[in-house]
Each structure stands twice: as structure tokens, then as C-alpha cells.
Amino acid sequence: MADAPAVDLRSDTVTLPSPGMRAAMASAAVGDDVKGEDATVRALEQQVAQHLGKQAGLFAPSGTQSNLLGLFAHCERGDEYIVGDQAHTYQYEGGGAAVLGSIQPQPVAMSRDGTLSLSAIEAVIKPEDFHFAKTRVVCLENTHGGVPLPLDYAPQVRDLCQQHGLSLHLDGARLLNAAVAQGYPAAQLAEPFDSISLCLSKGLGAPVGSVLVGDESFIQRARRWRKVLGGGMRQAGIIAAAGIYALEHHVQRLAEDHRRTAEIAQTLAEKFGGEYVRYATNMVHLSLDTHIYQALCEQLTQRGIVVGRPRWVVHRDIDDEGVAQICQVIRAFSLQSAD
């Protein structure tokens, strides 16, 4: 088995299953999940639904698919969803809602903290007129760029949605990072939403999978769409077991990722200036000049530290030793040594 790079900051999707997680996967009870016979999948779906305070859950292969299932279950062909113009569901999921579901996105300017102006949302809600697509759902994201939504924001959007008869969906890929960082139960952050997509394969460290949650009738609609999209899996308990293990062992330790992220960000700020560094939860964003960033990347690579774009993501496979290694390279960085 090939080893992962010593330190990989490209994303929290690069984690490898821990020995305990691999053991849980190897011993998982399995059955045909499309027929509803995989006990481990059912247990995962119930566990996530309970954790987020919803009635039911649906296991999907990816966060992209679970978000898509949510939109399909809320909308019909010719409907639209309101979404931030920098949101993952709009920018980075292949336009699937439009391509596969004939659901039109209505983008709205998105702030760094993931919020959309309430007045901007209300301004793009379509009237009941056959000239327009039917507005059905507002889609938010938590976290966005690592930044948790403000605690009082989602309830305000929920109230607006209720006034206009709209549903509210959350791309909660890193919702548990927000819950740990803000010190609130995940169910409390999830309460305003009709549906939530929670990723298992990011900060939680599972190798694959996301769970969509909502009420029973919503999940039944989504289950049909999962089959249509080819997301129905057979003995999926092998991978669902990894999700259960992650929920039981990897949630509270997200605080360690946040602490290590802060240490890296502070070192970067000391070296380059705080105006060039932003960080929140497990992400650091850099706005260095391109030639400086490229030189920094080269020096990190020479020390076995892998980076990509100027968004660094800390995860469970980066320990204190790895952080010390990163910080050492940052402190020693110079353009002269890059030339």
C-alpha cells in the first residue's frame, strides 16, 4: 500500500482510514442496501438523523450527490433554487442541478462568512407567473471557507423562507467543524433547515460517503432519486461502518485541527503580515503575491509538505509534529533561497 505524503495540506479529503476504522469496516454486518437490508447503512442513517435532530437519513456516495438529492427532492423540473454565488453547490458540483434536474440556480452575492443578504434573497424570489421559474428552496453552506455561519443567521433565513413558502437546505459538509468551533450541539445548528447534507469523508476522516437528512417523506423522495442517479449501493455497510466509527471517535477531536490551524496561521501572519492571512476552523487562506506563494510552495515541497492552491486545510492526519514541520519551513522561508 502506497504511503500518503508526510504532510498534505490540499484538503481534508486526503485522510486515510485509521486502524480502528479499518477494523470496523472489515467486521461490518452487510446486506443489499438497495433492498433496505444493510443493517450497518440503516444504523448510520439513523445515527446521523438523530445527531442532527431530523427524522430520517439517506446514505449517498458523495456530498455532491447528497446535495443533488436534496435539491431534486425539494424541486421539480423548471423550478429554481437560491444559492450563494461562491457556494460549493453552485461553483463546484458540475452544474448537476441544471444538467440533470432542469433546476435553475439563482445566485446571490455571498459574504465570506457564508451569509446572503436577506433583502437580496427576497429580491430574487419569483412571483407566481408562468414567465418565471418557480422558486422552491434556499441553499446555504456551513462552513464556508472554514467560516461557520453566524449563530443568529439561519433562523432569520428560515423565517423568510416560511413567509414565502420556501424550503431551506444546508450544504453542511463541515457542519460538525462549525458545531465544535462554536460550542453548540450540531442539532441546534441544523434545526432551522428542512434538509442537511453532512459529509463523512472530510474532517471526520471516513474514506467515502455523505448522509442527507430530513423528514420521512422527503427522504423517501430522495431515495428514489438516488436510484435514478446510480447512487444505490449493495453491501454498502463496509463503507457505512467507517462513517459510524468517525461519528463515534472523530467529532470532538476536530478541535485539535482547529488549534493546529490557528498555530499555522499565526506563524504565517508573523512571517508575512496578518493582512495576508485568514483562517477559521480547519482552513487557512493566503493572499500572498503569486511569486512569493509559488516560492513558499517549492520550499514546502522540498520538505515533503504538499500544498495546492492558497487554501490550506488541516485534518486528522496532520499531527503536532507535522505542524511544527510546516511552521519551521515558514519561519525559514526567503525568496533568496528560492532563487
Protein backbone atom coordinates (compact mmCIF):
# COMPACT_ATOMS: atom_id res chain seq x y z
CA MET A 1 0.00 0.00 0.00
CA ALA A 2 1.43 3.38 -1.02
CA ASP A 3 2.06 5.81 1.81
CA ALA A 4 0.42 9.21 1.81
CA PRO A 5 2.67 12.30 1.70
CA ALA A 6 4.18 13.15 5.08
CA VAL A 7 2.03 16.29 5.34
CA ASP A 8 -0.75 17.04 2.85
CA LEU A 9 -2.50 20.41 3.16
CA ARG A 10 -4.50 20.24 -0.06
CA SER A 11 -7.77 19.16 1.59
CA ASP A 12 -9.28 17.23 4.47
CA THR A 13 -10.47 14.70 1.87
CA VAL A 14 -6.99 13.13 1.71
CA THR A 15 -7.17 11.38 5.09
CA LEU A 16 -6.53 7.65 5.32
CA PRO A 17 -8.72 5.35 7.46
CA SER A 18 -7.29 4.71 10.90
CA PRO A 19 -6.60 1.13 12.05
CA GLY A 20 -9.74 1.23 14.21
CA MET A 21 -11.82 2.42 11.28
CA ARG A 22 -10.41 -0.30 9.02
CA ALA A 23 -11.28 -2.91 11.65
CA ALA A 24 -14.83 -1.60 11.91
CA MET A 25 -15.17 -1.78 8.12
CA ALA A 26 -13.81 -5.32 7.98
CA SER A 27 -16.26 -6.60 10.58
CA ALA A 28 -19.36 -4.70 9.42
CA ALA A 29 -22.66 -6.53 9.03
CA VAL A 30 -23.81 -6.08 5.44
CA GLY A 31 -26.77 -6.76 3.19
CA ASP A 32 -28.30 -5.40 -0.02
CA ASP A 33 -28.90 -1.74 0.80
CA VAL A 34 -30.99 -1.09 -2.33
CA LYS A 35 -33.42 -3.62 -0.86
CA GLY A 36 -33.11 -1.96 2.55
CA GLU A 37 -31.30 -4.98 4.01
CA ASP A 38 -27.95 -3.50 5.08
CA ALA A 39 -28.14 -3.09 8.84
CA THR A 40 -24.99 -1.01 9.07
CA VAL A 41 -26.22 1.51 6.50
CA ARG A 42 -29.55 1.75 8.31
CA ALA A 43 -27.72 2.32 11.59
CA LEU A 44 -25.59 5.09 10.08
CA GLU A 45 -28.60 6.83 8.57
CA GLN A 46 -30.44 6.73 11.88
CA GLN A 47 -27.39 7.89 13.82
CA VAL A 48 -26.81 10.94 11.61
CA ALA A 49 -30.52 11.83 11.58
CA GLN A 50 -30.63 11.70 15.39
CA HIS A 51 -27.38 13.65 15.69
CA LEU A 52 -28.86 16.44 13.57
CA GLY A 53 -32.35 16.29 15.08
CA LYS A 54 -34.17 15.06 11.96
CA GLN A 55 -36.50 12.11 11.30
CA ALA A 56 -34.57 10.14 8.68
CA GLY A 57 -31.35 9.88 6.71
CA LEU A 58 -30.08 8.60 3.38
CA PHE A 59 -26.53 7.39 2.74
CA ALA A 60 -25.02 8.64 -0.54
CA PRO A 61 -21.62 8.08 -2.16
CA SER A 62 -20.62 11.76 -2.11
CA GLY A 63 -21.52 15.21 -0.86
CA THR A 64 -22.15 16.32 -4.43
CA GLN A 65 -24.76 13.60 -4.81
CA SER A 66 -26.39 14.18 -1.42
CA ASN A 67 -26.77 17.89 -2.18
CA LEU A 68 -28.21 17.00 -5.58
CA LEU A 69 -30.64 14.54 -4.00
CA GLY A 70 -31.77 17.27 -1.63
CA LEU A 71 -32.43 19.69 -4.47
CA PHE A 72 -34.23 17.03 -6.51
CA ALA A 73 -36.45 16.11 -3.56
CA HIS A 74 -37.37 19.76 -2.99
CA CYS A 75 -37.85 20.77 -6.64
CA GLU A 76 -39.39 19.73 -9.93
CA ARG A 77 -38.20 20.42 -13.47
CA GLY A 78 -38.37 24.14 -14.20
CA ASP A 79 -38.03 25.15 -10.55
CA GLU A 80 -35.13 27.12 -9.12
CA TYR A 81 -33.01 27.30 -6.00
CA ILE A 82 -31.45 30.41 -4.48
CA VAL A 83 -27.76 29.95 -3.67
CA GLY A 84 -24.63 31.95 -2.88
CA ASP A 85 -22.50 32.85 -5.89
CA GLN A 86 -19.42 31.35 -4.17
CA ALA A 87 -21.20 28.30 -2.73
CA HIS A 88 -19.98 24.78 -3.38
CA THR A 89 -23.34 23.68 -4.74
CA TYR A 90 -23.17 26.46 -7.33
CA GLN A 91 -19.46 26.65 -8.18
CA TYR A 92 -18.01 23.17 -7.67
CA GLU A 93 -20.62 20.48 -8.29
CA GLY A 94 -20.62 20.40 -12.07
CA GLY A 95 -23.91 22.25 -12.53
CA GLY A 96 -25.68 18.99 -11.74
CA ALA A 97 -28.96 20.54 -10.68
CA ALA A 98 -29.30 22.20 -14.08
CA VAL A 99 -27.69 19.44 -16.15
CA LEU A 100 -29.56 16.50 -14.61
CA GLY A 101 -32.61 18.01 -12.95
CA SER A 102 -33.54 21.06 -15.05
CA ILE A 103 -33.39 23.05 -11.83
CA GLN A 104 -32.25 26.62 -12.32
CA PRO A 105 -29.78 28.18 -9.87
CA GLN A 106 -30.41 31.77 -8.86
CA PRO A 107 -27.09 33.03 -7.48
CA VAL A 108 -26.90 35.78 -4.86
CA ALA A 109 -23.79 37.62 -3.67
CA MET A 110 -22.19 35.66 -0.83
CA SER A 111 -20.17 37.11 2.04
CA ARG A 112 -17.03 35.49 3.44
CA ASP A 113 -18.99 34.17 6.41
CA GLY A 114 -21.40 32.32 4.09
CA THR A 115 -24.31 34.70 4.56
CA LEU A 116 -26.58 36.03 1.83
CA SER A 117 -28.32 39.34 2.41
CA LEU A 118 -31.94 38.74 3.44
CA SER A 119 -33.05 41.56 1.17
CA ALA A 120 -31.08 40.07 -1.72
CA ILE A 121 -32.73 36.69 -1.18
CA GLU A 122 -36.18 38.25 -1.07
CA ALA A 123 -35.46 40.33 -4.19
CA VAL A 124 -34.88 37.25 -6.37
CA ILE A 125 -37.86 35.17 -5.20
CA LYS A 126 -40.00 34.83 -8.28
CA PRO A 127 -43.67 35.84 -8.37
CA GLU A 128 -46.39 33.35 -9.30
CA ASP A 129 -46.19 33.94 -13.04
CA PHE A 130 -45.69 31.35 -15.77
CA HIS A 131 -42.94 33.52 -17.26
CA PHE A 132 -40.66 32.61 -14.37
CA ALA A 133 -39.10 29.54 -12.88
CA LYS A 134 -40.73 28.63 -9.56
CA THR A 135 -38.58 29.46 -6.56
CA ARG A 136 -38.64 26.42 -4.26
CA VAL A 137 -35.65 26.37 -1.93
CA VAL A 138 -32.82 28.45 -0.48
CA CYS A 139 -29.48 26.66 -0.15
CA LEU A 140 -26.91 27.75 2.47
CA GLU A 141 -23.46 26.39 3.35
CA ASN A 142 -21.81 25.76 6.74
CA THR A 143 -18.89 26.12 6.96
CA HIS A 144 -17.97 28.34 4.00
CA GLY A 145 -14.22 28.60 3.51
CA GLY A 146 -13.93 27.27 7.03
CA VAL A 147 -16.07 30.08 8.49
CA PRO A 148 -19.16 29.00 10.47
CA LEU A 149 -22.45 30.74 9.78
CA PRO A 150 -23.30 33.33 12.45
CA LEU A 151 -25.49 31.68 15.07
CA ASP A 152 -28.46 34.02 14.54
CA TYR A 153 -28.41 33.93 10.74
CA ALA A 154 -30.07 30.65 9.73
CA PRO A 155 -33.18 31.27 11.89
CA GLN A 156 -33.65 34.58 10.06
CA VAL A 157 -33.44 32.86 6.67
CA ARG A 158 -35.87 30.18 7.90
CA ASP A 159 -38.38 32.87 8.87
CA LEU A 160 -38.02 34.46 5.44
CA CYS A 161 -38.49 31.07 3.76
CA GLN A 162 -41.63 30.39 5.80
CA GLN A 163 -43.07 33.75 4.78
CA HIS A 164 -42.66 32.79 1.12
CA GLY A 165 -43.42 29.07 1.32
CA LEU A 166 -39.85 28.01 0.53
CA SER A 167 -37.75 25.13 1.83
CA LEU A 168 -34.28 25.62 3.35
CA HIS A 169 -31.41 23.25 2.55
CA LEU A 170 -27.93 23.20 4.08
CA ASP A 171 -24.77 22.01 2.45
CA GLY A 172 -23.33 21.01 5.81
CA ALA A 173 -20.24 19.24 4.52
CA ARG A 174 -18.28 20.60 7.51
CA LEU A 175 -21.20 21.36 9.82
CA LEU A 176 -19.54 19.48 12.68
CA ASN A 177 -16.49 21.74 12.42
CA ALA A 178 -18.86 24.65 12.99
CA ALA A 179 -20.56 22.92 15.92
CA VAL A 180 -17.25 22.15 17.64
CA ALA A 181 -15.83 25.62 16.98
CA GLN A 182 -18.94 27.43 18.23
CA GLY A 183 -19.58 25.08 21.13
CA TYR A 184 -23.17 24.28 20.18
CA PRO A 185 -24.85 20.92 19.53
CA ALA A 186 -25.00 20.10 15.83
CA ALA A 187 -28.76 19.58 16.14
CA GLN A 188 -29.14 23.19 17.25
CA LEU A 189 -27.27 24.45 14.18
CA ALA A 190 -29.32 22.09 11.99
CA GLU A 191 -32.71 22.97 13.49
CA PRO A 192 -33.70 25.78 11.07
CA PHE A 193 -33.15 23.60 7.98
CA ASP A 194 -35.58 21.26 6.24
CA SER A 195 -32.69 19.19 4.92
CA ILE A 196 -28.96 18.88 5.54
CA SER A 197 -26.14 17.12 3.70
CA LEU A 198 -23.34 16.01 6.05
CA CYS A 199 -20.03 14.75 4.67
CA LEU A 200 -18.23 11.87 6.37
CA SER A 201 -15.14 12.00 4.14
CA LYS A 202 -13.75 15.40 5.12
CA GLY A 203 -12.86 16.34 8.69
CA LEU A 204 -14.40 13.15 10.05
CA GLY A 205 -11.87 11.07 8.10
CA ALA A 206 -14.07 8.39 6.54
CA PRO A 207 -12.96 7.21 3.09
CA VAL A 208 -16.27 7.90 1.33
CA GLY A 209 -19.84 8.95 1.83
CA SER A 210 -22.32 11.62 2.92
CA VAL A 211 -25.71 11.45 4.60
CA LEU A 212 -28.75 13.54 3.65
CA VAL A 213 -31.29 14.09 6.43
CA GLY A 214 -34.82 15.46 6.60
CA ASP A 215 -38.33 14.27 7.33
CA GLU A 216 -39.56 10.81 6.32
CA SER A 217 -41.43 11.85 3.18
CA PHE A 218 -38.54 13.99 1.97
CA ILE A 219 -36.06 11.12 2.40
CA GLN A 220 -38.36 8.74 0.54
CA ARG A 221 -38.39 11.12 -2.44
CA ALA A 222 -34.60 11.45 -2.23
CA ARG A 223 -34.20 7.66 -2.06
CA ARG A 224 -35.92 7.27 -5.42
CA TRP A 225 -33.66 9.94 -6.94
CA ARG A 226 -30.60 8.22 -5.51
CA LYS A 227 -31.53 5.13 -7.54
CA VAL A 228 -32.14 7.22 -10.66
CA LEU A 229 -28.71 8.83 -10.31
CA GLY A 230 -26.95 5.50 -9.87
CA GLY A 231 -26.22 6.04 -6.20
CA GLY A 232 -27.88 2.86 -4.97
CA MET A 233 -25.19 0.62 -3.47
CA ARG A 234 -25.40 -3.03 -2.44
CA GLN A 235 -23.31 -4.25 0.52
CA ALA A 236 -22.52 -0.67 1.45
CA GLY A 237 -22.23 -1.41 5.16
CA ILE A 238 -18.50 -1.83 4.64
CA ILE A 239 -18.15 1.89 3.97
CA ALA A 240 -21.05 2.95 6.21
CA ALA A 241 -19.19 1.38 9.14
CA ALA A 242 -16.41 3.91 8.59
CA GLY A 243 -18.96 6.70 8.97
CA ILE A 244 -20.27 5.26 12.24
CA TYR A 245 -16.73 4.93 13.56
CA ALA A 246 -15.98 8.52 12.55
CA LEU A 247 -19.06 9.86 14.33
CA GLU A 248 -18.16 7.95 17.48
CA HIS A 249 -14.42 8.75 17.55
CA HIS A 250 -13.57 11.75 15.36
CA VAL A 251 -16.01 14.55 16.17
CA GLN A 252 -14.61 16.14 19.32
CA ARG A 253 -11.05 15.82 18.02
CA LEU A 254 -11.94 18.38 15.32
CA ALA A 255 -10.93 20.92 17.96
CA GLU A 256 -7.35 19.67 17.54
CA ASP A 257 -7.50 20.51 13.82
CA HIS A 258 -8.73 23.99 14.69
CA ARG A 259 -5.94 24.52 17.22
CA ARG A 260 -3.29 23.39 14.75
CA THR A 261 -4.79 25.59 12.03
CA ALA A 262 -4.52 28.61 14.32
CA GLU A 263 -0.87 27.81 15.02
CA ILE A 264 -0.03 27.62 11.31
CA ALA A 265 -1.98 30.82 10.58
CA GLN A 266 -0.25 32.72 13.38
CA THR A 267 3.15 31.63 12.08
CA LEU A 268 2.22 32.79 8.57
CA ALA A 269 0.98 36.12 9.94
CA GLU A 270 4.22 36.64 11.85
CA LYS A 271 6.22 35.93 8.69
CA PHE A 272 4.19 37.73 6.03
CA GLY A 273 1.79 40.02 7.89
CA GLY A 274 -1.68 39.37 9.24
CA GLU A 275 -3.36 41.18 6.34
CA TYR A 276 -2.33 38.32 4.05
CA VAL A 277 -3.70 35.51 6.20
CA ARG A 278 -7.26 34.50 7.06
CA TYR A 279 -8.22 31.39 8.97
CA ALA A 280 -11.21 29.75 10.60
CA THR A 281 -11.86 26.23 11.92
CA ASN A 282 -9.54 23.98 9.85
CA MET A 283 -8.73 26.28 6.90
CA VAL A 284 -6.09 28.91 6.19
CA HIS A 285 -6.45 31.28 3.23
CA LEU A 286 -3.44 33.17 1.89
CA SER A 287 -3.39 36.26 -0.32
CA LEU A 288 0.34 36.46 -0.98
CA ASP A 289 1.77 37.67 -4.27
CA THR A 290 1.85 34.81 -6.74
CA HIS A 291 5.66 34.60 -6.99
CA ILE A 292 6.02 34.59 -3.21
CA TYR A 293 3.40 31.88 -2.80
CA GLN A 294 4.97 29.73 -5.52
CA ALA A 295 8.36 30.04 -3.86
CA LEU A 296 6.86 29.09 -0.50
CA CYS A 297 5.19 26.06 -2.11
CA GLU A 298 8.53 24.95 -3.58
CA GLN A 299 10.27 25.12 -0.23
CA LEU A 300 7.43 23.26 1.48
CA THR A 301 7.52 20.58 -1.23
CA GLN A 302 11.23 20.10 -0.68
CA ARG A 303 10.41 19.16 2.91
CA GLY A 304 7.69 16.68 1.91
CA ILE A 305 4.79 19.06 2.57
CA VAL A 306 2.17 19.04 -0.20
CA VAL A 307 0.13 22.18 -0.93
CA GLY A 308 -2.02 23.28 -3.84
CA ARG A 309 -3.99 26.49 -4.11
CA PRO A 310 -3.56 29.06 -1.34
CA ARG A 311 -6.17 27.39 0.82
CA TRP A 312 -4.59 25.04 3.32
CA VAL A 313 -6.74 22.51 5.14
CA VAL A 314 -5.71 20.81 8.38
CA HIS A 315 -7.08 17.34 9.17
CA ARG A 316 -6.65 14.31 11.40
CA ASP A 317 -3.58 13.03 9.51
CA ILE A 318 -1.60 16.17 10.38
CA ASP A 319 -0.30 15.95 13.94
CA ASP A 320 1.69 18.37 16.09
CA GLU A 321 4.93 17.14 14.55
CA GLY A 322 3.58 17.93 11.09
CA VAL A 323 2.52 21.39 12.22
CA ALA A 324 5.98 22.02 13.67
CA GLN A 325 7.50 20.97 10.33
CA ILE A 326 5.22 23.35 8.41
CA CYS A 327 5.97 26.24 10.76
CA GLN A 328 9.70 25.60 10.56
CA VAL A 329 9.64 25.96 6.77
CA ILE A 330 7.53 29.14 7.01
CA ARG A 331 9.90 30.75 9.51
CA ALA A 332 12.95 29.84 7.39
CA PHE A 333 11.40 30.96 4.11
CA SER A 334 13.21 33.50 1.98
CA LEU A 335 12.96 34.45 -1.67
CA GLN A 336 16.76 34.31 -1.92
CA SER A 337 16.82 30.61 -1.03
CA ALA A 338 14.18 30.03 -3.69
CA ASP A 339 16.32 31.59 -6.42
